């Protein structure tokens, strides 16, 4: 029977999947996609806070709007000036 090297397996698993981290994709500072969200905690024109399995992600800026919300993702548009991660 052949032994399986666990370090070899872990090197092929994406870090975001392994640690339940959100995937965050910015388009400049005008739009952001958050995959892996579990809900919107706060929604105002100057702050949007998104809950994920691993952390809360807050986006600060001006004229922030939720363009799309699904069961696992959120798209925020506006003028994003700051991003904050809280565990």
Protein backbone atom coordinates (compact mmCIF):
# COMPACT_ATOMS: atom_id res chain seq x y z
CA UNK A 1 0.00 0.00 0.00
CA UNK A 2 1.34 3.41 -0.99
CA UNK A 3 1.63 6.16 1.62
CA UNK A 4 0.00 9.53 0.84
CA UNK A 5 2.07 12.61 1.57
CA UNK A 6 -0.35 15.09 3.24
CA UNK A 7 1.85 18.11 2.51
CA UNK A 8 1.55 17.26 -1.18
CA UNK A 9 -2.26 17.27 -0.99
CA UNK A 10 -2.41 20.60 0.88
CA UNK A 11 -0.25 22.30 -1.75
CA UNK A 12 -2.96 21.68 -4.36
CA UNK A 13 -5.88 23.00 -2.30
CA UNK A 14 -6.51 26.76 -2.66
CA UNK A 15 -5.86 28.68 0.56
CA UNK A 16 -9.26 30.40 0.48
CA UNK A 17 -11.03 27.05 0.32
CA UNK A 18 -8.86 25.43 2.99
CA UNK A 19 -9.46 28.20 5.57
CA UNK A 20 -12.99 29.30 4.52
CA UNK A 21 -11.67 32.71 3.51
CA UNK A 22 -13.70 35.04 1.30
CA UNK A 23 -12.54 35.79 -2.22
CA UNK A 24 -12.48 39.55 -2.78
CA UNK A 25 -12.01 40.99 -6.25
CA UNK A 26 -11.60 44.73 -6.77
CA UNK A 27 -12.18 46.57 -10.02
CA UNK A 28 -10.11 49.63 -9.28
CA UNK A 29 -11.68 51.47 -6.37
CA UNK A 30 -15.14 51.59 -7.99
CA UNK A 31 -16.46 48.06 -7.54
CA UNK A 32 -15.78 45.01 -5.37
CA UNK A 33 -17.03 41.43 -5.52
CA UNK A 34 -17.09 39.46 -2.25
CA UNK A 35 -17.56 35.71 -2.73
CA UNK A 36 -18.21 33.65 0.37
CA UNK A 37 -20.48 36.14 2.13
CA UNK A 38 -23.02 34.94 4.65
CA UNK A 39 -24.94 38.20 4.96
CA UNK A 40 -24.93 41.99 4.95
CA UNK A 41 -24.48 43.40 8.45
CA UNK A 42 -24.61 47.12 7.65
CA UNK A 43 -25.58 48.99 4.52
CA UNK A 44 -25.23 52.75 4.28
CA UNK A 45 -23.95 55.09 1.59
CA UNK A 46 -20.60 55.47 3.39
CA UNK A 47 -20.10 51.96 4.86
CA UNK A 48 -21.03 48.41 3.91
CA UNK A 49 -20.15 45.57 6.28
CA UNK A 50 -20.25 41.99 4.97
CA UNK A 51 -20.17 38.89 7.15
CA UNK A 52 -18.21 35.84 5.99
CA UNK A 53 -17.42 32.53 7.68
CA UNK A 54 -13.97 33.70 8.74
CA UNK A 55 -14.30 37.46 9.25
CA UNK A 56 -16.27 40.66 8.79
CA UNK A 57 -15.18 42.83 5.86
CA UNK A 58 -16.07 46.54 5.92
CA UNK A 59 -15.89 48.83 2.90
CA UNK A 60 -15.82 52.60 3.42
CA UNK A 61 -16.34 55.26 0.80
CA UNK A 62 -18.93 57.46 -0.92
CA UNK A 63 -22.12 56.57 -2.77
CA UNK A 64 -21.78 52.87 -1.94
CA UNK A 65 -24.58 50.69 -3.31
CA UNK A 66 -25.27 46.97 -3.40
CA UNK A 67 -25.45 46.08 -7.08
CA UNK A 68 -26.10 42.37 -6.60
CA UNK A 69 -26.73 40.05 -3.66
CA UNK A 70 -26.81 36.26 -3.91
CA UNK A 71 -26.63 33.48 -1.34
CA UNK A 72 -22.83 33.45 -1.53
CA UNK A 73 -21.77 36.76 -3.04
CA UNK A 74 -22.18 40.52 -2.99
CA UNK A 75 -21.18 43.20 -5.48
CA UNK A 76 -20.65 46.71 -4.08
CA UNK A 77 -20.15 49.74 -6.28
CA UNK A 78 -19.27 53.33 -5.51
CA UNK A 79 -16.09 55.15 -4.56
CA UNK A 80 -14.23 52.81 -2.17
CA UNK A 81 -11.63 54.53 0.01
CA UNK A 82 -10.88 51.96 2.72
CA UNK A 83 -11.26 48.24 3.40
CA UNK A 84 -11.17 46.79 6.91
CA UNK A 85 -10.97 43.14 8.02
CA UNK A 86 -12.17 42.13 11.49
CA UNK A 87 -11.93 38.61 12.89
